Amino acid sequence: MLIKKQNILLAEKYDISHKVLNELVNLESRHILFTIIKYPKSIQDISKEQKIPLSSVYKRIESLKKCSLIHEKIDFGKNGHITRYYQSKIKDIEISITKFEPKISFTKNNLVKND
């Protein structure tokens, strides 16, 4: 019985819906996602606006990128520095769980411009 339970937990580790669900459970991730729906923002802008430590924003952005929940845009500033801007690919999320299986439905963010 123990082996079967471990196999289920191991399978969940690699299941993308499980990863997305874990990301959405995180309060900082949700704040970041919903603050970048209308306009792309830099990590510094997100950190300042949401009062989340810069290191936490970097970590959450990487996790959100791995789950394909955000779009990254790279821009060159006047001083030659590269600035990265992030925008949520989703504008709404609906989560339901039936018989241990999560179902996640997204509403696409039509404001994202893929360059």
PDB file of N, CA and C in Angstrom:
ATOM      1  N   MET A   1       0.827  -1.200   0.000  1.00  0.00           N
ATOM      2  CA  MET A   1       0.000   0.000   0.000  1.00  0.00           C
ATOM      3  C   MET A   1       0.866   1.258   0.000  1.00  0.00           C
ATOM      4  N   LEU A   2       1.976   1.221   0.697  1.00  0.00           N
ATOM      5  CA  LEU A   2       2.877   2.362   0.753  1.00  0.00           C
ATOM      6  C   LEU A   2       3.468   2.682  -0.611  1.00  0.00           C
ATOM      7  N   ILE A   3       3.810   1.653  -1.387  1.00  0.00           N
ATOM      8  CA  ILE A   3       4.388   1.854  -2.716  1.00  0.00           C
ATOM      9  C   ILE A   3       3.396   2.542  -3.636  1.00  0.00           C
ATOM     10  N   LYS A   4       2.138   2.141  -3.589  1.00  0.00           N
ATOM     11  CA  LYS A   4       1.112   2.749  -4.442  1.00  0.00           C
ATOM     12  C   LYS A   4       0.947   4.227  -4.099  1.00  0.00           C
ATOM     13  N   LYS A   5       0.940   4.563  -2.815  1.00  0.00           N
ATOM     14  CA  LYS A   5       0.790   5.949  -2.403  1.00  0.00           C
ATOM     15  C   LYS A   5       1.983   6.779  -2.874  1.00  0.00           C
ATOM     16  N   GLN A   6       3.190   6.240  -2.789  1.00  0.00           N
ATOM     17  CA  GLN A   6       4.378   6.961  -3.247  1.00  0.00           C
ATOM     18  C   GLN A   6       4.315   7.197  -4.747  1.00  0.00           C
ATOM     19  N   ASN A   7       3.847   6.225  -5.520  1.00  0.00           N
ATOM     20  CA  ASN A   7       3.723   6.396  -6.963  1.00  0.00           C
ATOM     21  C   ASN A   7       2.756   7.517  -7.309  1.00  0.00           C
ATOM     22  N   ILE A   8       1.661   7.605  -6.580  1.00  0.00           N
ATOM     23  CA  ILE A   8       0.685   8.673  -6.814  1.00  0.00           C
ATOM     24  C   ILE A   8       1.314  10.028  -6.513  1.00  0.00           C
ATOM     25  N   LEU A   9       2.006  10.142  -5.397  1.00  0.00           N
ATOM     26  CA  LEU A   9       2.635  11.409  -5.045  1.00  0.00           C
ATOM     27  C   LEU A   9       3.737  11.774  -6.024  1.00  0.00           C
ATOM     28  N   LEU A  10       4.482  10.804  -6.506  1.00  0.00           N
ATOM     29  CA  LEU A  10       5.531  11.051  -7.477  1.00  0.00           C
ATOM     30  C   LEU A  10       4.930  11.530  -8.796  1.00  0.00           C
ATOM     31  N   ALA A  11       3.834  10.926  -9.210  1.00  0.00           N
ATOM     32  CA  ALA A  11       3.166  11.341 -10.440  1.00  0.00           C
ATOM     33  C   ALA A  11       2.664  12.772 -10.318  1.00  0.00           C
ATOM     34  N   GLU A  12       2.148  13.142  -9.145  1.00  0.00           N
ATOM     35  CA  GLU A  12       1.669  14.508  -8.930  1.00  0.00           C
ATOM     36  C   GLU A  12       2.791  15.523  -9.055  1.00  0.00           C
ATOM     37  N   LYS A  13       3.982  15.137  -8.649  1.00  0.00           N
ATOM     38  CA  LYS A  13       5.130  16.044  -8.694  1.00  0.00           C
ATOM     39  C   LYS A  13       5.399  16.520 -10.112  1.00  0.00           C
ATOM     40  N   TYR A  14       5.123  15.665 -11.100  1.00  0.00           N
ATOM     41  CA  TYR A  14       5.412  15.997 -12.490  1.00  0.00           C
ATOM     42  C   TYR A  14       4.177  16.397 -13.283  1.00  0.00           C
ATOM     43  N   ASP A  15       3.059  16.470 -12.651  1.00  0.00           N
ATOM     44  CA  ASP A  15       1.812  16.845 -13.305  1.00  0.00           C
ATOM     45  C   ASP A  15       1.727  18.374 -13.352  1.00  0.00           C
ATOM     46  N   ILE A  16       1.586  18.936 -14.547  1.00  0.00           N
ATOM     47  CA  ILE A  16       1.588  20.395 -14.699  1.00  0.00           C
ATOM     48  C   ILE A  16       0.415  21.040 -13.972  1.00  0.00           C
ATOM     49  N   SER A  17      -0.748  20.398 -13.967  1.00  0.00           N
ATOM     50  CA  SER A  17      -1.879  21.015 -13.269  1.00  0.00           C
ATOM     51  C   SER A  17      -1.607  21.077 -11.773  1.00  0.00           C
ATOM     52  N   HIS A  18      -0.891  20.103 -11.260  1.00  0.00           N
ATOM     53  CA  HIS A  18      -0.514  20.122  -9.841  1.00  0.00           C
ATOM     54  C   HIS A  18       0.459  21.270  -9.568  1.00  0.00           C
ATOM     55  N   LYS A  19       1.404  21.481 -10.473  1.00  0.00           N
ATOM     56  CA  LYS A  19       2.365  22.585 -10.315  1.00  0.00           C
ATOM     57  C   LYS A  19       1.656  23.938 -10.380  1.00  0.00           C
ATOM     58  N   VAL A  20       0.739  24.069 -11.324  1.00  0.00           N
ATOM     59  CA  VAL A  20      -0.016  25.317 -11.454  1.00  0.00           C
ATOM     60  C   VAL A  20      -0.851  25.560 -10.213  1.00  0.00           C
ATOM     61  N   LEU A  21      -1.504  24.528  -9.726  1.00  0.00           N
ATOM     62  CA  LEU A  21      -2.320  24.653  -8.520  1.00  0.00           C
ATOM     63  C   LEU A  21      -1.463  25.096  -7.341  1.00  0.00           C
ATOM     64  N   ASN A  22      -0.300  24.485  -7.176  1.00  0.00           N
ATOM     65  CA  ASN A  22       0.612  24.895  -6.095  1.00  0.00           C
ATOM     66  C   ASN A  22       1.037  26.350  -6.245  1.00  0.00           C
ATOM     67  N   GLU A  23       1.239  26.782  -7.467  1.00  0.00           N
ATOM     68  CA  GLU A  23       1.637  28.172  -7.699  1.00  0.00           C
ATOM     69  C   GLU A  23       0.494  29.123  -7.355  1.00  0.00           C
ATOM     70  N   LEU A  24      -0.714  28.745  -7.696  1.00  0.00           N
ATOM     71  CA  LEU A  24      -1.876  29.600  -7.440  1.00  0.00           C
ATOM     72  C   LEU A  24      -2.248  29.653  -5.961  1.00  0.00           C
ATOM     73  N   VAL A  25      -1.851  28.646  -5.206  1.00  0.00           N
ATOM     74  CA  VAL A  25      -2.097  28.630  -3.763  1.00  0.00           C
ATOM     75  C   VAL A  25      -1.226  29.676  -3.075  1.00  0.00           C
ATOM     76  N   ASN A  26      -0.086  29.986  -3.665  1.00  0.00           N
ATOM     77  CA  ASN A  26       0.839  30.939  -3.071  1.00  0.00           C
ATOM     78  C   ASN A  26       0.291  32.364  -3.200  1.00  0.00           C
ATOM     79  N   LEU A  27       0.155  33.034  -2.067  1.00  0.00           N
ATOM     80  CA  LEU A  27      -0.427  34.380  -2.044  1.00  0.00           C
ATOM     81  C   LEU A  27       0.389  35.380  -2.858  1.00  0.00           C
ATOM     82  N   GLU A  28       1.707  35.324  -2.742  1.00  0.00           N
ATOM     83  CA  GLU A  28       2.560  36.250  -3.502  1.00  0.00           C
ATOM     84  C   GLU A  28       2.388  36.043  -5.001  1.00  0.00           C
ATOM     85  N   SER A  29       2.312  34.796  -5.432  1.00  0.00           N
ATOM     86  CA  SER A  29       2.121  34.500  -6.856  1.00  0.00           C
ATOM     87  C   SER A  29       0.807  35.084  -7.362  1.00  0.00           C
ATOM     88  N   ARG A  30      -0.232  34.928  -6.582  1.00  0.00           N
ATOM     89  CA  ARG A  30      -1.535  35.487  -6.986  1.00  0.00           C
ATOM     90  C   ARG A  30      -1.475  37.007  -7.062  1.00  0.00           C
ATOM     91  N   HIS A  31      -0.864  37.630  -6.082  1.00  0.00           N
ATOM     92  CA  HIS A  31      -0.741  39.098  -6.118  1.00  0.00           C
ATOM     93  C   HIS A  31       0.029  39.544  -7.349  1.00  0.00           C
ATOM     94  N   ILE A  32       1.098  38.845  -7.650  1.00  0.00           N
ATOM     95  CA  ILE A  32       1.904  39.190  -8.831  1.00  0.00           C
ATOM     96  C   ILE A  32       1.083  39.000 -10.100  1.00  0.00           C
ATOM     97  N   LEU A  33       0.434  37.854 -10.242  1.00  0.00           N
ATOM     98  CA  LEU A  33      -0.357  37.572 -11.447  1.00  0.00           C
ATOM     99  C   LEU A  33      -1.420  38.633 -11.699  1.00  0.00           C
ATOM    100  N   PHE A  34      -2.123  39.011 -10.645  1.00  0.00           N
ATOM    101  CA  PHE A  34      -3.245  39.923 -10.849  1.00  0.00           C
ATOM    102  C   PHE A  34      -2.834  41.391 -10.904  1.00  0.00           C
ATOM    103  N   THR A  35      -1.597  41.703 -10.527  1.00  0.00           N
ATOM    104  CA  THR A  35      -1.136  43.083 -10.675  1.00  0.00           C
ATOM    105  C   THR A  35      -0.569  43.351 -12.068  1.00  0.00           C
ATOM    106  N   ILE A  36      -0.310  42.271 -12.822  1.00  0.00           N
ATOM    107  CA  ILE A  36       0.266  42.443 -14.161  1.00  0.00           C
ATOM    108  C   ILE A  36      -0.694  42.002 -15.259  1.00  0.00           C
ATOM    109  N   ILE A  37      -1.973  42.095 -14.993  1.00  0.00           N
ATOM    110  CA  ILE A  37      -2.960  41.738 -16.022  1.00  0.00           C
ATOM    111  C   ILE A  37      -3.051  42.831 -17.078  1.00  0.00           C
ATOM    112  N   LYS A  38      -3.259  44.070 -16.665  1.00  0.00           N
ATOM    113  CA  LYS A  38      -3.489  45.152 -17.628  1.00  0.00           C
ATOM    114  C   LYS A  38      -2.216  45.622 -18.316  1.00  0.00           C
ATOM    115  N   TYR A  39      -1.125  45.747 -17.545  1.00  0.00           N
ATOM    116  CA  TYR A  39       0.104  46.299 -18.099  1.00  0.00           C
ATOM    117  C   TYR A  39       1.311  45.453 -17.688  1.00  0.00           C
ATOM    118  N   PRO A  40       2.259  45.269 -18.597  1.00  0.00           N
ATOM    119  CA  PRO A  40       3.490  44.582 -18.210  1.00  0.00           C
ATOM    120  C   PRO A  40       4.291  45.450 -17.245  1.00  0.00           C
ATOM    121  N   LYS A  41       4.938  44.806 -16.278  1.00  0.00           N
ATOM    122  CA  LYS A  41       5.721  45.537 -15.284  1.00  0.00           C
ATOM    123  C   LYS A  41       7.038  44.831 -15.045  1.00  0.00           C
ATOM    124  N   SER A  42       8.018  45.612 -14.607  1.00  0.00           N
ATOM    125  CA  SER A  42       9.316  45.042 -14.262  1.00  0.00           C
ATOM    126  C   SER A  42       9.240  44.435 -12.862  1.00  0.00           C
ATOM    127  N   ILE A  43      10.215  43.626 -12.532  1.00  0.00           N
ATOM    128  CA  ILE A  43      10.261  43.009 -11.209  1.00  0.00           C
ATOM    129  C   ILE A  43      10.347  44.081 -10.127  1.00  0.00           C
ATOM    130  N   GLN A  44      11.119  45.129 -10.384  1.00  0.00           N
ATOM    131  CA  GLN A  44      11.251  46.211  -9.402  1.00  0.00           C
ATOM    132  C   GLN A  44       9.912  46.908  -9.176  1.00  0.00           C
ATOM    133  N   ASP A  45       9.171  47.153 -10.256  1.00  0.00           N
ATOM    134  CA  ASP A  45       7.857  47.801 -10.131  1.00  0.00           C
ATOM    135  C   ASP A  45       6.881  46.914  -9.349  1.00  0.00           C
ATOM    136  N   ILE A  46       6.894  45.622  -9.638  1.00  0.00           N
ATOM    137  CA  ILE A  46       6.009  44.686  -8.936  1.00  0.00           C
ATOM    138  C   ILE A  46       6.348  44.661  -7.452  1.00  0.00           C
ATOM    139  N   SER A  47       7.639  44.589  -7.146  1.00  0.00           N
ATOM    140  CA  SER A  47       8.101  44.540  -5.755  1.00  0.00           C
ATOM    141  C   SER A  47       7.649  45.779  -4.986  1.00  0.00           C
ATOM    142  N   LYS A  48       7.853  46.943  -5.599  1.00  0.00           N
ATOM    143  CA  LYS A  48       7.492  48.197  -4.932  1.00  0.00           C
ATOM    144  C   LYS A  48       5.982  48.326  -4.767  1.00  0.00           C
ATOM    145  N   GLU A  49       5.237  48.021  -5.820  1.00  0.00           N
ATOM    146  CA  GLU A  49       3.783  48.171  -5.803  1.00  0.00           C
ATOM    147  C   GLU A  49       3.106  47.203  -4.831  1.00  0.00           C
ATOM    148  N   GLN A  50       3.561  45.953  -4.807  1.00  0.00           N
ATOM    149  CA  GLN A  50       2.923  44.928  -3.982  1.00  0.00           C
ATOM    150  C   GLN A  50       3.565  44.778  -2.597  1.00  0.00           C
ATOM    151  N   LYS A  51       4.677  45.524  -2.378  1.00  0.00           N
ATOM    152  CA  LYS A  51       5.406  45.453  -1.102  1.00  0.00           C
ATOM    153  C   LYS A  51       5.847  44.011  -0.803  1.00  0.00           C
ATOM    154  N   ILE A  52       6.367  43.362  -1.849  1.00  0.00           N
ATOM    155  CA  ILE A  52       6.911  42.012  -1.745  1.00  0.00           C
ATOM    156  C   ILE A  52       8.419  42.149  -1.921  1.00  0.00           C
ATOM    157  N   PRO A  53       9.216  41.489  -1.078  1.00  0.00           N
ATOM    158  CA  PRO A  53      10.668  41.587  -1.235  1.00  0.00           C
ATOM    159  C   PRO A  53      11.114  41.209  -2.658  1.00  0.00           C
ATOM    160  N   LEU A  54      12.115  41.923  -3.151  1.00  0.00           N
ATOM    161  CA  LEU A  54      12.617  41.723  -4.500  1.00  0.00           C
ATOM    162  C   LEU A  54      13.009  40.261  -4.752  1.00  0.00           C
ATOM    163  N   SER A  55      13.682  39.640  -3.787  1.00  0.00           N
ATOM    164  CA  SER A  55      14.100  38.244  -3.958  1.00  0.00           C
ATOM    165  C   SER A  55      12.894  37.317  -4.098  1.00  0.00           C
ATOM    166  N   SER A  56      11.823  37.597  -3.383  1.00  0.00           N
ATOM    167  CA  SER A  56      10.602  36.786  -3.484  1.00  0.00           C
ATOM    168  C   SER A  56       9.938  36.966  -4.845  1.00  0.00           C
ATOM    169  N   VAL A  57       9.959  38.193  -5.365  1.00  0.00           N
ATOM    170  CA  VAL A  57       9.365  38.439  -6.680  1.00  0.00           C
ATOM    171  C   VAL A  57      10.150  37.681  -7.751  1.00  0.00           C
ATOM    172  N   TYR A  58      11.483  37.720  -7.674  1.00  0.00           N
ATOM    173  CA  TYR A  58      12.297  36.958  -8.623  1.00  0.00           C
ATOM    174  C   TYR A  58      11.936  35.476  -8.583  1.00  0.00           C
ATOM    175  N   LYS A  59      11.832  34.925  -7.392  1.00  0.00           N
ATOM    176  CA  LYS A  59      11.520  33.500  -7.221  1.00  0.00           C
ATOM    177  C   LYS A  59      10.141  33.169  -7.783  1.00  0.00           C
ATOM    178  N   ARG A  60       9.152  33.984  -7.451  1.00  0.00           N
ATOM    179  CA  ARG A  60       7.786  33.731  -7.905  1.00  0.00           C
ATOM    180  C   ARG A  60       7.688  33.889  -9.431  1.00  0.00           C
ATOM    181  N   ILE A  61       8.366  34.880  -9.994  1.00  0.00           N
ATOM    182  CA  ILE A  61       8.337  35.089 -11.446  1.00  0.00           C
ATOM    183  C   ILE A  61       8.893  33.856 -12.161  1.00  0.00           C
ATOM    184  N   GLU A  62       9.986  33.311 -11.661  1.00  0.00           N
ATOM    185  CA  GLU A  62      10.565  32.103 -12.267  1.00  0.00           C
ATOM    186  C   GLU A  62       9.576  30.943 -12.215  1.00  0.00           C
ATOM    187  N   SER A  63       8.903  30.770 -11.089  1.00  0.00           N
ATOM    188  CA  SER A  63       7.908  29.697 -10.962  1.00  0.00           C
ATOM    189  C   SER A  63       6.732  29.922 -11.900  1.00  0.00           C
ATOM    190  N   LEU A  64       6.278  31.156 -12.013  1.00  0.00           N
ATOM    191  CA  LEU A  64       5.161  31.473 -12.903  1.00  0.00           C
ATOM    192  C   LEU A  64       5.549  31.258 -14.368  1.00  0.00           C
ATOM    193  N   LYS A  65       6.795  31.569 -14.713  1.00  0.00           N
ATOM    194  CA  LYS A  65       7.275  31.325 -16.081  1.00  0.00           C
ATOM    195  C   LYS A  65       7.305  29.826 -16.377  1.00  0.00           C
ATOM    196  N   LYS A  66       7.750  29.013 -15.420  1.00  0.00           N
ATOM    197  CA  LYS A  66       7.795  27.564 -15.617  1.00  0.00           C
ATOM    198  C   LYS A  66       6.408  26.980 -15.845  1.00  0.00           C
ATOM    199  N   CYS A  67       5.413  27.611 -15.265  1.00  0.00           N
ATOM    200  CA  CYS A  67       4.023  27.164 -15.430  1.00  0.00           C
ATOM    201  C   CYS A  67       3.355  27.820 -16.640  1.00  0.00           C
ATOM    202  N   SER A  68       4.090  28.642 -17.371  1.00  0.00           N
ATOM    203  CA  SER A  68       3.576  29.347 -18.559  1.00  0.00           C
ATOM    204  C   SER A  68       2.385  30.245 -18.244  1.00  0.00           C
ATOM    205  N   LEU A  69       2.419  30.874 -17.079  1.00  0.00           N
ATOM    206  CA  LEU A  69       1.323  31.758 -16.682  1.00  0.00           C
ATOM    207  C   LEU A  69       1.618  33.223 -16.977  1.00  0.00           C
ATOM    208  N   ILE A  70       2.862  33.533 -17.326  1.00  0.00           N
ATOM    209  CA  ILE A  70       3.202  34.922 -17.617  1.00  0.00           C
ATOM    210  C   ILE A  70       4.000  35.008 -18.916  1.00  0.00           C
ATOM    211  N   HIS A  71       3.914  36.176 -19.530  1.00  0.00           N
ATOM    212  CA  HIS A  71       4.656  36.485 -20.753  1.00  0.00           C
ATOM    213  C   HIS A  71       5.794  37.424 -20.382  1.00  0.00           C
ATOM    214  N   GLU A  72       6.973  37.150 -20.919  1.00  0.00           N
ATOM    215  CA  GLU A  72       8.141  37.993 -20.662  1.00  0.00           C
ATOM    216  C   GLU A  72       8.483  38.778 -21.914  1.00  0.00           C
ATOM    217  N   LYS A  73       8.686  40.080 -21.730  1.00  0.00           N
ATOM    218  CA  LYS A  73       9.083  40.954 -22.835  1.00  0.00           C
ATOM    219  C   LYS A  73      10.410  41.587 -22.452  1.00  0.00           C
ATOM    220  N   ILE A  74      11.358  41.542 -23.359  1.00  0.00           N
ATOM    221  CA  ILE A  74      12.675  42.135 -23.113  1.00  0.00           C
ATOM    222  C   ILE A  74      12.775  43.428 -23.900  1.00  0.00           C
ATOM    223  N   ASP A  75      13.227  44.482 -23.219  1.00  0.00           N
ATOM    224  CA  ASP A  75      13.336  45.797 -23.844  1.00  0.00           C
ATOM    225  C   ASP A  75      14.706  46.375 -23.515  1.00  0.00           C
ATOM    226  N   PHE A  76      15.236  47.157 -24.426  1.00  0.00           N
ATOM    227  CA  PHE A  76      16.511  47.834 -24.193  1.00  0.00           C
ATOM    228  C   PHE A  76      16.239  49.288 -23.832  1.00  0.00           C
ATOM    229  N   GLY A  77      16.775  49.712 -22.695  1.00  0.00           N
ATOM    230  CA  GLY A  77      16.600  51.090 -22.257  1.00  0.00           C
ATOM    231  C   GLY A  77      17.524  52.034 -22.998  1.00  0.00           C
ATOM    232  N   LYS A  78      17.329  53.322 -22.784  1.00  0.00           N
ATOM    233  CA  LYS A  78      18.156  54.340 -23.434  1.00  0.00           C
ATOM    234  C   LYS A  78      19.621  54.221 -23.016  1.00  0.00           C
ATOM    235  N   ASN A  79      19.840  53.724 -21.797  1.00  0.00           N
ATOM    236  CA  ASN A  79      21.202  53.581 -21.291  1.00  0.00           C
ATOM    237  C   ASN A  79      21.843  52.262 -21.732  1.00  0.00           C
ATOM    238  N   GLY A  80      21.142  51.473 -22.538  1.00  0.00           N
ATOM    239  CA  GLY A  80      21.683  50.218 -23.039  1.00  0.00           C
ATOM    240  C   GLY A  80      21.420  49.021 -22.155  1.00  0.00           C
ATOM    241  N   HIS A  81      20.805  49.235 -21.003  1.00  0.00           N
ATOM    242  CA  HIS A  81      20.501  48.122 -20.101  1.00  0.00           C
ATOM    243  C   HIS A  81      19.270  47.360 -20.580  1.00  0.00           C
ATOM    244  N   ILE A  82      19.288  46.070 -20.342  1.00  0.00           N
ATOM    245  CA  ILE A  82      18.139  45.225 -20.680  1.00  0.00           C
ATOM    246  C   ILE A  82      17.149  45.263 -19.521  1.00  0.00           C
ATOM    247  N   THR A  83      15.886  45.492 -19.842  1.00  0.00           N
ATOM    248  CA  THR A  83      14.829  45.458 -18.837  1.00  0.00           C
ATOM    249  C   THR A  83      13.815  44.414 -19.268  1.00  0.00           C
ATOM    250  N   ARG A  84      13.416  43.598 -18.318  1.00  0.00           N
ATOM    251  CA  ARG A  84      12.421  42.564 -18.593  1.00  0.00           C
ATOM    252  C   ARG A  84      11.093  42.977 -17.971  1.00  0.00           C
ATOM    253  N   TYR A  85      10.040  42.826 -18.755  1.00  0.00           N
ATOM    254  CA  TYR A  85       8.700  43.146 -18.294  1.00  0.00           C
ATOM    255  C   TYR A  85       7.861  41.876 -18.343  1.00  0.00           C
ATOM    256  N   TYR A  86       6.942  41.767 -17.395  1.00  0.00           N
ATOM    257  CA  TYR A  86       6.135  40.564 -17.274  1.00  0.00           C
ATOM    258  C   TYR A  86       4.663  40.933 -17.274  1.00  0.00           C
ATOM    259  N   GLN A  87       3.876  40.099 -17.966  1.00  0.00           N
ATOM    260  CA  GLN A  87       2.441  40.305 -18.007  1.00  0.00           C
ATOM    261  C   GLN A  87       1.742  38.956 -17.886  1.00  0.00           C
ATOM    262  N   SER A  88       0.656  38.941 -17.139  1.00  0.00           N
ATOM    263  CA  SER A  88      -0.110  37.721 -16.920  1.00  0.00           C
ATOM    264  C   SER A  88      -0.779  37.283 -18.219  1.00  0.00           C
ATOM    265  N   LYS A  89      -0.655  35.996 -18.554  1.00  0.00           N
ATOM    266  CA  LYS A  89      -1.324  35.445 -19.729  1.00  0.00           C
ATOM    267  C   LYS A  89      -2.783  35.138 -19.442  1.00  0.00           C
ATOM    268  N   ILE A  90      -3.154  35.223 -18.178  1.00  0.00           N
ATOM    269  CA  ILE A  90      -4.524  34.905 -17.790  1.00  0.00           C
ATOM    270  C   ILE A  90      -5.155  36.089 -17.068  1.00  0.00           C
ATOM    271  N   LYS A  91      -6.450  36.221 -17.213  1.00  0.00           N
ATOM    272  CA  LYS A  91      -7.125  37.301 -16.489  1.00  0.00           C
ATOM    273  C   LYS A  91      -8.084  36.772 -15.434  1.00  0.00           C
ATOM    274  N   ASP A  92      -8.370  35.471 -15.510  1.00  0.00           N
ATOM    275  CA  ASP A  92      -9.304  34.887 -14.553  1.00  0.00           C
ATOM    276  C   ASP A  92      -8.995  33.402 -14.416  1.00  0.00           C
ATOM    277  N   ILE A  93      -9.208  32.872 -13.215  1.00  0.00           N
ATOM    278  CA  ILE A  93      -8.937  31.468 -12.937  1.00  0.00           C
ATOM    279  C   ILE A  93     -10.123  30.878 -12.191  1.00  0.00           C
ATOM    280  N   GLU A  94     -10.501  29.668 -12.587  1.00  0.00           N
ATOM    281  CA  GLU A  94     -11.535  28.938 -11.859  1.00  0.00           C
ATOM    282  C   GLU A  94     -10.980  27.558 -11.548  1.00  0.00           C
ATOM    283  N   ILE A  95     -11.050  27.175 -10.268  1.00  0.00           N
ATOM    284  CA  ILE A  95     -10.511  25.889  -9.825  1.00  0.00           C
ATOM    285  C   ILE A  95     -11.635  25.082  -9.193  1.00  0.00           C
ATOM    286  N   SER A  96     -11.749  23.828  -9.624  1.00  0.00           N
ATOM    287  CA  SER A  96     -12.697  22.915  -8.986  1.00  0.00           C
ATOM    288  C   SER A  96     -11.982  21.593  -8.759  1.00  0.00           C
ATOM    289  N   ILE A  97     -12.373  20.914  -7.707  1.00  0.00           N
ATOM    290  CA  ILE A  97     -11.764  19.628  -7.384  1.00  0.00           C
ATOM    291  C   ILE A  97     -12.878  18.603  -7.217  1.00  0.00           C
ATOM    292  N   THR A  98     -12.780  17.531  -8.018  1.00  0.00           N
ATOM    293  CA  THR A  98     -13.745  16.450  -7.967  1.00  0.00           C
ATOM    294  C   THR A  98     -12.997  15.136  -7.874  1.00  0.00           C
ATOM    295  N   LYS A  99     -13.329  14.361  -6.871  1.00  0.00           N
ATOM    296  CA  LYS A  99     -12.705  13.039  -6.679  1.00  0.00           C
ATOM    297  C   LYS A  99     -11.183  13.127  -6.747  1.00  0.00           C
ATOM    298  N   PHE A 100     -10.605  14.030  -5.998  1.00  0.00           N
ATOM    299  CA  PHE A 100      -9.169  14.212  -5.861  1.00  0.00           C
ATOM    300  C   PHE A 100      -8.482  14.793  -7.089  1.00  0.00           C
ATOM    301  N   GLU A 101      -9.216  15.079  -8.138  1.00  0.00           N
ATOM    302  CA  GLU A 101      -8.626  15.612  -9.358  1.00  0.00           C
ATOM    303  C   GLU A 101      -8.957  17.095  -9.499  1.00  0.00           C
ATOM    304  N   PRO A 102      -7.931  17.953  -9.522  1.00  0.00           N
ATOM    305  CA  PRO A 102      -8.208  19.375  -9.725  1.00  0.00           C
ATOM    306  C   PRO A 102      -8.462  19.682 -11.203  1.00  0.00           C
ATOM    307  N   LYS A 103      -9.375  20.598 -11.441  1.00  0.00           N
ATOM    308  CA  LYS A 103      -9.629  21.083 -12.792  1.00  0.00           C
ATOM    309  C   LYS A 103      -9.429  22.596 -12.733  1.00  0.00           C
ATOM    310  N   ILE A 104      -8.537  23.070 -13.560  1.00  0.00           N
ATOM    311  CA  ILE A 104      -8.209  24.491 -13.572  1.00  0.00           C
ATOM    312  C   ILE A 104      -8.628  25.058 -14.923  1.00  0.00           C
ATOM    313  N   SER A 105      -9.473  26.089 -14.886  1.00  0.00           N
ATOM    314  CA  SER A 105      -9.924  26.748 -16.116  1.00  0.00           C
ATOM    315  C   SER A 105      -9.423  28.189 -16.101  1.00  0.00           C
ATOM    316  N   PHE A 106      -8.850  28.597 -17.215  1.00  0.00           N
ATOM    317  CA  PHE A 106      -8.310  29.940 -17.334  1.00  0.00           C
ATOM    318  C   PHE A 106      -9.089  30.737 -18.361  1.00  0.00           C
ATOM    319  N   THR A 107      -9.153  32.033 -18.125  1.00  0.00           N
ATOM    320  CA  THR A 107      -9.645  32.952 -19.135  1.00  0.00           C
ATOM    321  C   THR A 107      -8.425  33.694 -19.645  1.00  0.00           C
ATOM    322  N   LYS A 108      -8.198  33.615 -20.944  1.00  0.00           N
ATOM    323  CA  LYS A 108      -7.013  34.214 -21.562  1.00  0.00           C
ATOM    324  C   LYS A 108      -7.040  35.737 -21.408  1.00  0.00           C
ATOM    325  N   ASN A 109      -5.865  36.296 -21.147  1.00  0.00           N
ATOM    326  CA  ASN A 109      -5.712  37.744 -21.078  1.00  0.00           C
ATOM    327  C   ASN A 109      -5.455  38.256 -22.495  1.00  0.00           C
ATOM    328  N   ASN A 110      -6.442  38.877 -23.099  1.00  0.00           N
ATOM    329  CA  ASN A 110      -6.315  39.376 -24.477  1.00  0.00           C
ATOM    330  C   ASN A 110      -5.470  40.643 -24.574  1.00  0.00           C
ATOM    331  N   LEU A 111      -5.049  41.186 -23.439  1.00  0.00           N
ATOM    332  CA  LEU A 111      -4.224  42.392 -23.448  1.00  0.00           C
ATOM    333  C   LEU A 111      -2.743  42.087 -23.666  1.00  0.00           C
ATOM    334  N   VAL A 112      -2.365  40.811 -23.597  1.00  0.00           N
ATOM    335  CA  VAL A 112      -0.966  40.419 -23.787  1.00  0.00           C
ATOM    336  C   VAL A 112      -0.631  40.522 -25.267  1.00  0.00           C
ATOM    337  N   LYS A 113       0.457  41.244 -25.532  1.00  0.00           N
ATOM    338  CA  LYS A 113       0.937  41.389 -26.912  1.00  0.00           C
ATOM    339  C   LYS A 113       2.217  40.588 -27.036  1.00  0.00           C
ATOM    340  N   ASN A 114       2.152  39.484 -27.781  1.00  0.00           N
ATOM    341  CA  ASN A 114       3.339  38.658 -28.005  1.00  0.00           C
ATOM    342  C   ASN A 114       4.165  39.289 -29.114  1.00  0.00           C
ATOM    343  N   ASP A 115       5.311  39.802 -28.730  1.00  0.00           N
ATOM    344  CA  ASP A 115       6.187  40.467 -29.715  1.00  0.00           C
ATOM    345  C   ASP A 115       7.105  39.487 -30.392  1.00  0.00           C
TER     346      ASP A 115
END
